[in-house]
């Protein structure tokens, strides 16, 4: 006996694709915090670096080549929100193997706050679960930068 009361609804098919606009051999490689800082500076609105706090993420492939930089948030002169869901959604969409975090301190103070340290620790733990390494977290000012990795905090 056939049950005609049960109707299977149509659902969308989900596909995972990835399109790289630049040949992998042409992607720049990051081997040190100084290089990461330079790439972030090239993609930062320097008119805002002393005005509002922003948070960005650099996506890297397995060879430490830059796939892209994603702006996560732009806030006020004293803070911004770095949503882990958005950070890892971007990393997963880019098929990144690792990421480097960066945000600026409009005050010019390079010292990480306890919130900066806690967020970095939280993202490192989340990255381990997803097998996306969080390699570094940079704090930028118009004059210099601070690297969590260089300072032994990673």
N, C-alpha and C. Protein backbone atom coordinates (compact mmCIF):
# COMPACT_ATOMS: atom_id res chain seq x y z
N UNK A 1 0.83 -1.17 0.00
CA UNK A 1 0.00 0.00 0.00
C UNK A 1 0.89 1.24 0.00
N UNK A 2 0.64 2.16 -0.86
CA UNK A 2 1.45 3.35 -1.03
C UNK A 2 0.86 4.49 -0.21
N UNK A 3 1.73 5.19 0.51
CA UNK A 3 1.29 6.32 1.32
C UNK A 3 1.45 7.59 0.51
N UNK A 4 0.37 8.18 0.13
CA UNK A 4 0.40 9.40 -0.69
C UNK A 4 0.31 10.66 0.16
N UNK A 5 0.18 10.50 1.49
CA UNK A 5 0.10 11.67 2.37
C UNK A 5 1.46 12.30 2.64
N UNK A 6 2.50 11.52 2.43
CA UNK A 6 3.85 12.01 2.69
C UNK A 6 4.43 12.66 1.44
N UNK A 7 4.71 13.94 1.52
CA UNK A 7 5.26 14.68 0.37
C UNK A 7 6.68 15.12 0.74
N UNK A 8 7.61 14.81 -0.14
CA UNK A 8 9.00 15.23 0.08
C UNK A 8 9.16 16.64 -0.48
N UNK A 9 9.48 17.60 0.41
CA UNK A 9 9.65 18.97 -0.08
C UNK A 9 10.93 19.10 -0.89
N UNK A 10 10.92 20.02 -1.82
CA UNK A 10 12.13 20.29 -2.59
C UNK A 10 13.01 21.22 -1.78
N UNK A 11 14.29 20.92 -1.78
CA UNK A 11 15.25 21.75 -1.07
C UNK A 11 16.37 22.14 -2.02
N UNK A 12 17.05 23.20 -1.65
CA UNK A 12 18.16 23.68 -2.48
C UNK A 12 19.36 22.75 -2.33
N UNK A 13 20.06 22.55 -3.42
CA UNK A 13 21.30 21.80 -3.39
C UNK A 13 22.41 22.76 -3.00
N UNK A 14 23.26 22.33 -2.09
CA UNK A 14 24.38 23.16 -1.64
C UNK A 14 25.65 22.63 -2.29
N UNK A 15 26.40 23.54 -2.92
CA UNK A 15 27.65 23.16 -3.56
C UNK A 15 28.77 23.99 -2.96
N UNK A 16 29.91 23.37 -2.78
CA UNK A 16 31.10 24.08 -2.32
C UNK A 16 32.03 24.25 -3.51
N UNK A 17 32.33 25.50 -3.84
CA UNK A 17 33.25 25.79 -4.93
C UNK A 17 34.23 26.85 -4.47
N UNK A 18 35.32 26.94 -5.19
CA UNK A 18 36.34 27.93 -4.87
C UNK A 18 36.95 28.43 -6.16
N UNK A 19 36.95 29.73 -6.36
CA UNK A 19 37.52 30.33 -7.56
C UNK A 19 38.61 31.32 -7.17
N UNK A 20 39.82 31.01 -7.52
CA UNK A 20 40.94 31.90 -7.24
C UNK A 20 41.17 32.75 -8.48
N UNK A 21 41.20 34.07 -8.30
CA UNK A 21 41.34 34.98 -9.43
C UNK A 21 42.80 35.18 -9.86
N UNK A 22 43.72 34.77 -9.01
CA UNK A 22 45.14 34.91 -9.28
C UNK A 22 45.77 33.52 -9.25
N UNK A 23 46.71 33.27 -10.14
CA UNK A 23 47.39 31.98 -10.13
C UNK A 23 48.14 31.81 -8.81
N UNK A 24 48.11 30.60 -8.23
CA UNK A 24 48.79 30.38 -6.95
C UNK A 24 50.26 30.81 -6.96
N UNK A 25 50.94 30.67 -8.08
CA UNK A 25 52.34 31.07 -8.15
C UNK A 25 52.53 32.58 -8.02
N UNK A 26 51.48 33.35 -8.24
CA UNK A 26 51.55 34.81 -8.18
C UNK A 26 51.14 35.37 -6.82
N UNK A 27 50.64 34.51 -5.93
CA UNK A 27 50.22 34.98 -4.61
C UNK A 27 51.44 35.32 -3.76
N UNK A 28 51.37 36.43 -3.00
CA UNK A 28 52.50 36.77 -2.13
C UNK A 28 52.55 35.85 -0.92
N UNK A 29 53.76 35.59 -0.45
CA UNK A 29 53.98 34.70 0.69
C UNK A 29 54.29 35.53 1.94
N UNK A 30 53.79 35.06 3.07
CA UNK A 30 54.07 35.70 4.35
C UNK A 30 54.92 34.75 5.18
N UNK A 31 56.11 35.20 5.55
CA UNK A 31 57.01 34.37 6.35
C UNK A 31 57.33 35.00 7.70
N UNK A 32 56.92 36.26 7.90
CA UNK A 32 57.23 36.96 9.16
C UNK A 32 56.16 38.01 9.44
N UNK A 33 56.09 38.42 10.70
CA UNK A 33 55.09 39.41 11.10
C UNK A 33 55.27 40.73 10.34
N UNK A 34 56.49 41.09 10.05
CA UNK A 34 56.76 42.34 9.32
C UNK A 34 56.09 42.33 7.95
N UNK A 35 56.16 41.18 7.27
CA UNK A 35 55.50 41.06 5.97
C UNK A 35 53.98 41.13 6.11
N UNK A 36 53.45 40.47 7.12
CA UNK A 36 52.01 40.50 7.36
C UNK A 36 51.57 41.94 7.61
N UNK A 37 52.34 42.67 8.42
CA UNK A 37 52.03 44.07 8.70
C UNK A 37 51.98 44.89 7.43
N UNK A 38 52.94 44.66 6.52
CA UNK A 38 52.96 45.41 5.26
C UNK A 38 51.74 45.11 4.40
N UNK A 39 51.33 43.84 4.33
CA UNK A 39 50.13 43.49 3.55
C UNK A 39 48.88 44.12 4.16
N UNK A 40 48.79 44.10 5.49
CA UNK A 40 47.64 44.73 6.13
C UNK A 40 47.64 46.23 5.85
N UNK A 41 48.80 46.89 5.98
CA UNK A 41 48.87 48.32 5.72
C UNK A 41 48.45 48.66 4.29
N UNK A 42 48.80 47.82 3.34
CA UNK A 42 48.41 48.05 1.94
C UNK A 42 46.89 47.97 1.76
N UNK A 43 46.23 47.25 2.66
CA UNK A 43 44.78 47.05 2.56
C UNK A 43 44.01 47.77 3.66
N UNK A 44 44.64 48.71 4.32
CA UNK A 44 43.99 49.44 5.41
C UNK A 44 43.72 50.86 4.93
N UNK A 45 42.62 51.42 5.33
CA UNK A 45 42.36 52.83 5.06
C UNK A 45 43.14 53.61 6.11
N UNK A 46 44.33 54.10 5.74
CA UNK A 46 45.21 54.75 6.69
C UNK A 46 44.64 56.06 7.23
N UNK A 47 43.60 56.60 6.56
CA UNK A 47 42.91 57.78 7.08
C UNK A 47 42.09 57.43 8.32
N UNK A 48 41.83 56.14 8.53
CA UNK A 48 41.02 55.70 9.68
C UNK A 48 41.84 55.08 10.80
N UNK A 49 43.13 54.83 10.57
CA UNK A 49 43.92 54.07 11.54
C UNK A 49 44.03 54.78 12.90
N UNK A 50 43.98 56.11 12.91
CA UNK A 50 44.01 56.85 14.17
C UNK A 50 42.62 57.39 14.53
N UNK A 51 41.61 56.92 13.82
CA UNK A 51 40.25 57.46 14.01
C UNK A 51 39.30 56.43 14.61
N UNK A 52 39.18 55.25 13.97
CA UNK A 52 38.29 54.19 14.46
C UNK A 52 39.03 52.86 14.47
N UNK A 53 38.62 52.00 15.39
CA UNK A 53 39.22 50.68 15.48
C UNK A 53 38.57 49.77 14.45
N UNK A 54 39.41 49.00 13.73
CA UNK A 54 38.94 48.05 12.73
C UNK A 54 39.61 46.71 12.98
N UNK A 55 38.94 45.64 12.54
CA UNK A 55 39.47 44.29 12.71
C UNK A 55 39.45 43.61 11.36
N UNK A 56 40.60 43.04 10.97
CA UNK A 56 40.73 42.37 9.67
C UNK A 56 41.42 41.02 9.86
N UNK A 57 41.20 40.15 8.87
CA UNK A 57 41.79 38.81 8.92
C UNK A 57 42.44 38.51 7.57
N UNK A 58 43.68 38.05 7.62
CA UNK A 58 44.39 37.62 6.42
C UNK A 58 44.25 36.10 6.31
N UNK A 59 43.81 35.65 5.14
CA UNK A 59 43.64 34.23 4.88
C UNK A 59 44.85 33.70 4.13
N UNK A 60 45.38 32.56 4.57
CA UNK A 60 46.57 31.98 3.96
C UNK A 60 46.32 30.54 3.54
N UNK A 61 46.97 30.13 2.46
CA UNK A 61 46.88 28.72 2.05
C UNK A 61 47.96 27.92 2.78
N UNK A 62 48.10 26.65 2.45
CA UNK A 62 49.05 25.78 3.14
C UNK A 62 50.50 26.23 2.94
N UNK A 63 50.78 26.93 1.86
CA UNK A 63 52.14 27.43 1.58
C UNK A 63 52.37 28.83 2.15
N UNK A 64 51.47 29.29 3.02
CA UNK A 64 51.55 30.63 3.64
C UNK A 64 51.45 31.75 2.61
N UNK A 65 50.73 31.49 1.52
CA UNK A 65 50.49 32.53 0.52
C UNK A 65 49.14 33.19 0.81
N UNK A 66 49.10 34.50 0.60
CA UNK A 66 47.91 35.29 0.95
C UNK A 66 46.79 35.07 -0.06
N UNK A 67 45.67 34.54 0.44
CA UNK A 67 44.48 34.36 -0.40
C UNK A 67 43.64 35.63 -0.43
N UNK A 68 43.70 36.40 0.64
CA UNK A 68 42.94 37.64 0.70
C UNK A 68 42.88 38.17 2.12
N UNK A 69 42.34 39.37 2.24
CA UNK A 69 42.15 40.02 3.53
C UNK A 69 40.68 40.41 3.65
N UNK A 70 40.08 40.03 4.76
CA UNK A 70 38.67 40.28 5.01
C UNK A 70 38.51 41.26 6.17
N UNK A 71 37.76 42.35 5.94
CA UNK A 71 37.43 43.25 7.04
C UNK A 71 36.26 42.66 7.79
N UNK A 72 36.45 42.43 9.07
CA UNK A 72 35.42 41.84 9.92
C UNK A 72 34.53 42.92 10.51
N UNK A 73 35.15 44.02 10.97
CA UNK A 73 34.34 45.07 11.59
C UNK A 73 35.09 46.40 11.61
N UNK A 74 34.28 47.45 11.75
CA UNK A 74 34.79 48.80 11.93
C UNK A 74 33.95 49.40 13.04
N UNK A 75 34.60 49.89 14.09
CA UNK A 75 33.85 50.32 15.25
C UNK A 75 34.02 51.78 15.58
N UNK A 76 34.33 52.03 16.84
CA UNK A 76 34.46 53.39 17.34
C UNK A 76 35.93 53.68 17.64
N UNK A 77 36.18 54.80 18.28
CA UNK A 77 37.56 55.14 18.62
C UNK A 77 38.12 54.27 19.74
N UNK A 78 37.24 53.54 20.43
CA UNK A 78 37.71 52.75 21.56
C UNK A 78 37.46 51.25 21.44
N UNK A 79 36.90 50.79 20.33
CA UNK A 79 36.69 49.35 20.20
C UNK A 79 35.92 48.96 18.96
N UNK A 80 35.95 47.67 18.68
CA UNK A 80 35.18 47.09 17.59
C UNK A 80 34.87 45.65 17.96
N UNK A 81 33.91 45.05 17.28
CA UNK A 81 33.51 43.68 17.58
C UNK A 81 34.14 42.74 16.56
N UNK A 82 34.81 41.71 17.05
CA UNK A 82 35.40 40.70 16.19
C UNK A 82 34.63 39.40 16.41
N UNK A 83 33.63 39.16 15.60
CA UNK A 83 32.74 38.01 15.75
C UNK A 83 33.44 36.75 15.24
N UNK A 84 33.72 35.78 16.12
CA UNK A 84 34.40 34.55 15.68
C UNK A 84 33.67 33.82 14.55
N UNK A 85 32.35 33.87 14.55
CA UNK A 85 31.59 33.21 13.48
C UNK A 85 31.92 33.81 12.12
N UNK A 86 32.01 35.14 12.05
CA UNK A 86 32.35 35.80 10.79
C UNK A 86 33.79 35.52 10.39
N UNK A 87 34.68 35.50 11.37
CA UNK A 87 36.10 35.24 11.08
C UNK A 87 36.26 33.86 10.45
N UNK A 88 35.67 32.86 11.09
CA UNK A 88 35.85 31.50 10.58
C UNK A 88 34.98 31.21 9.37
N UNK A 89 33.84 31.91 9.23
CA UNK A 89 33.05 31.76 8.00
C UNK A 89 33.88 32.23 6.81
N UNK A 90 34.57 33.35 6.96
CA UNK A 90 35.43 33.85 5.89
C UNK A 90 36.58 32.90 5.60
N UNK A 91 37.20 32.38 6.65
CA UNK A 91 38.33 31.46 6.47
C UNK A 91 37.88 30.18 5.78
N UNK A 92 36.72 29.67 6.17
CA UNK A 92 36.21 28.45 5.55
C UNK A 92 35.84 28.70 4.09
N UNK A 93 35.22 29.83 3.82
CA UNK A 93 34.84 30.15 2.43
C UNK A 93 36.06 30.29 1.54
N UNK A 94 37.16 30.84 2.09
CA UNK A 94 38.39 31.00 1.31
C UNK A 94 39.22 29.72 1.27
N UNK A 95 38.76 28.70 1.99
CA UNK A 95 39.50 27.43 2.09
C UNK A 95 40.90 27.67 2.68
N UNK A 96 40.97 28.60 3.63
CA UNK A 96 42.24 28.95 4.26
C UNK A 96 42.71 27.84 5.19
N UNK A 97 44.01 27.63 5.22
CA UNK A 97 44.63 26.68 6.15
C UNK A 97 45.07 27.38 7.42
N UNK A 98 45.30 28.68 7.31
CA UNK A 98 45.71 29.47 8.47
C UNK A 98 45.26 30.91 8.28
N UNK A 99 45.24 31.64 9.40
CA UNK A 99 44.84 33.04 9.36
C UNK A 99 45.77 33.87 10.25
N UNK A 100 45.83 35.15 9.93
CA UNK A 100 46.52 36.13 10.77
C UNK A 100 45.51 37.22 11.07
N UNK A 101 45.35 37.54 12.34
CA UNK A 101 44.40 38.55 12.80
C UNK A 101 45.10 39.89 12.90
N UNK A 102 44.35 40.96 12.72
CA UNK A 102 44.91 42.30 12.92
C UNK A 102 43.81 43.28 13.30
N UNK A 103 44.15 44.16 14.19
CA UNK A 103 43.28 45.30 14.48
C UNK A 103 44.17 46.47 14.86
N UNK A 104 43.61 47.64 14.77
CA UNK A 104 44.37 48.84 15.08
C UNK A 104 43.92 49.42 16.42
N UNK A 105 44.82 50.17 17.03
CA UNK A 105 44.51 50.94 18.23
C UNK A 105 44.63 52.42 17.86
N UNK A 106 43.51 53.10 17.68
CA UNK A 106 43.57 54.52 17.31
C UNK A 106 44.35 55.38 18.31
N UNK A 107 44.43 54.94 19.56
CA UNK A 107 45.14 55.70 20.59
C UNK A 107 46.65 55.73 20.35
N UNK A 108 47.15 54.78 19.52
CA UNK A 108 48.59 54.68 19.31
C UNK A 108 49.27 53.76 20.30
N UNK A 109 48.52 53.25 21.28
CA UNK A 109 49.06 52.33 22.28
C UNK A 109 49.16 50.93 21.68
N UNK A 110 50.36 50.35 21.69
CA UNK A 110 50.55 49.02 21.11
C UNK A 110 50.29 47.88 22.09
N UNK A 111 50.14 48.19 23.36
CA UNK A 111 49.96 47.13 24.36
C UNK A 111 48.60 46.46 24.20
N UNK A 112 48.57 45.11 24.10
CA UNK A 112 47.29 44.41 23.98
C UNK A 112 46.50 44.50 25.29
N UNK A 113 45.20 44.70 25.15
CA UNK A 113 44.32 44.70 26.32
C UNK A 113 44.04 43.25 26.72
N UNK A 114 43.46 43.07 27.90
CA UNK A 114 43.09 41.73 28.31
C UNK A 114 42.05 41.16 27.36
N UNK A 115 41.16 42.02 26.83
CA UNK A 115 40.16 41.57 25.85
C UNK A 115 40.84 41.08 24.58
N UNK A 116 41.90 41.76 24.14
CA UNK A 116 42.67 41.33 22.96
C UNK A 116 43.28 39.94 23.19
N UNK A 117 43.85 39.76 24.37
CA UNK A 117 44.49 38.49 24.71
C UNK A 117 43.45 37.37 24.79
N UNK A 118 42.32 37.66 25.43
CA UNK A 118 41.26 36.65 25.57
C UNK A 118 40.67 36.26 24.22
N UNK A 119 40.44 37.24 23.35
CA UNK A 119 39.90 36.96 22.02
C UNK A 119 40.88 36.11 21.22
N UNK A 120 42.15 36.43 21.29
CA UNK A 120 43.16 35.67 20.56
C UNK A 120 43.17 34.22 21.03
N UNK A 121 43.12 34.02 22.32
CA UNK A 121 43.10 32.66 22.89
C UNK A 121 41.85 31.90 22.42
N UNK A 122 40.72 32.57 22.45
CA UNK A 122 39.44 31.97 22.02
C UNK A 122 39.49 31.57 20.54
N UNK A 123 40.03 32.44 19.71
CA UNK A 123 40.11 32.16 18.27
C UNK A 123 41.12 31.05 17.98
N UNK A 124 42.22 31.01 18.72
CA UNK A 124 43.19 29.91 18.54
C UNK A 124 42.53 28.57 18.85
N UNK A 125 41.76 28.52 19.92
CA UNK A 125 41.08 27.27 20.29
C UNK A 125 40.05 26.88 19.23
N UNK A 126 39.27 27.84 18.75
CA UNK A 126 38.30 27.56 17.69
C UNK A 126 38.99 27.11 16.42
N UNK A 127 40.11 27.72 16.10
CA UNK A 127 40.87 27.34 14.92
C UNK A 127 41.38 25.92 14.99
N UNK A 128 41.80 25.50 16.18
CA UNK A 128 42.27 24.12 16.34
C UNK A 128 41.17 23.13 15.99
N UNK A 129 39.97 23.40 16.45
CA UNK A 129 38.83 22.52 16.17
C UNK A 129 38.56 22.43 14.67
N UNK A 130 38.70 23.57 13.97
CA UNK A 130 38.42 23.64 12.53
C UNK A 130 39.65 23.32 11.68
N UNK A 131 40.78 23.08 12.32
CA UNK A 131 42.05 22.84 11.63
C UNK A 131 42.46 24.05 10.78
N UNK A 132 42.22 25.23 11.34
CA UNK A 132 42.66 26.50 10.75
C UNK A 132 43.55 27.16 11.79
N UNK A 133 44.85 27.17 11.53
CA UNK A 133 45.80 27.71 12.51
C UNK A 133 45.71 29.23 12.56
N UNK A 134 45.66 29.76 13.77
CA UNK A 134 45.76 31.21 13.97
C UNK A 134 47.24 31.48 14.24
N UNK A 135 47.92 32.03 13.25
CA UNK A 135 49.37 32.17 13.30
C UNK A 135 49.85 33.37 14.11
N UNK A 136 49.08 34.45 14.07
CA UNK A 136 49.52 35.67 14.74
C UNK A 136 48.32 36.60 14.90
N UNK A 137 48.49 37.58 15.77
CA UNK A 137 47.53 38.66 15.93
C UNK A 137 48.36 39.93 16.02
N UNK A 138 48.14 40.84 15.10
CA UNK A 138 48.88 42.09 15.06
C UNK A 138 48.02 43.23 15.56
N UNK A 139 48.64 44.11 16.33
CA UNK A 139 48.01 45.38 16.71
C UNK A 139 48.77 46.45 15.94
N UNK A 140 48.02 47.24 15.17
CA UNK A 140 48.63 48.24 14.30
C UNK A 140 48.38 49.66 14.80
N UNK A 141 49.36 50.51 14.60
CA UNK A 141 49.19 51.95 14.75
C UNK A 141 49.81 52.57 13.50
N UNK A 142 49.67 53.85 13.35
CA UNK A 142 50.23 54.51 12.17
C UNK A 142 51.75 54.46 12.17
N UNK A 143 52.37 54.24 13.33
CA UNK A 143 53.82 54.28 13.44
C UNK A 143 54.49 52.92 13.61
N UNK A 144 53.76 51.94 14.11
CA UNK A 144 54.40 50.67 14.42
C UNK A 144 53.37 49.55 14.52
N UNK A 145 53.79 48.41 15.02
CA UNK A 145 52.89 47.27 15.21
C UNK A 145 53.40 46.39 16.34
N UNK A 146 52.51 45.57 16.86
CA UNK A 146 52.80 44.60 17.91
C UNK A 146 52.38 43.24 17.40
N UNK A 147 53.23 42.25 17.53
CA UNK A 147 52.94 40.89 17.08
C UNK A 147 52.84 39.97 18.30
N UNK A 148 51.69 39.33 18.48
CA UNK A 148 51.53 38.37 19.56
C UNK A 148 52.56 37.24 19.45
N UNK A 149 52.83 36.79 18.22
CA UNK A 149 53.80 35.72 18.02
C UNK A 149 55.20 36.17 18.38
N UNK A 150 55.62 37.32 17.89
CA UNK A 150 56.96 37.83 18.18
C UNK A 150 57.17 38.04 19.67
N UNK A 151 56.09 38.39 20.38
CA UNK A 151 56.19 38.67 21.82
C UNK A 151 55.92 37.43 22.67
N UNK A 152 55.77 36.25 22.03
CA UNK A 152 55.62 35.00 22.77
C UNK A 152 54.24 34.75 23.33
N UNK A 153 53.24 35.44 22.83
CA UNK A 153 51.87 35.26 23.34
C UNK A 153 51.04 34.27 22.52
N UNK A 154 51.62 33.68 21.51
CA UNK A 154 50.87 32.70 20.70
C UNK A 154 51.29 31.34 21.14
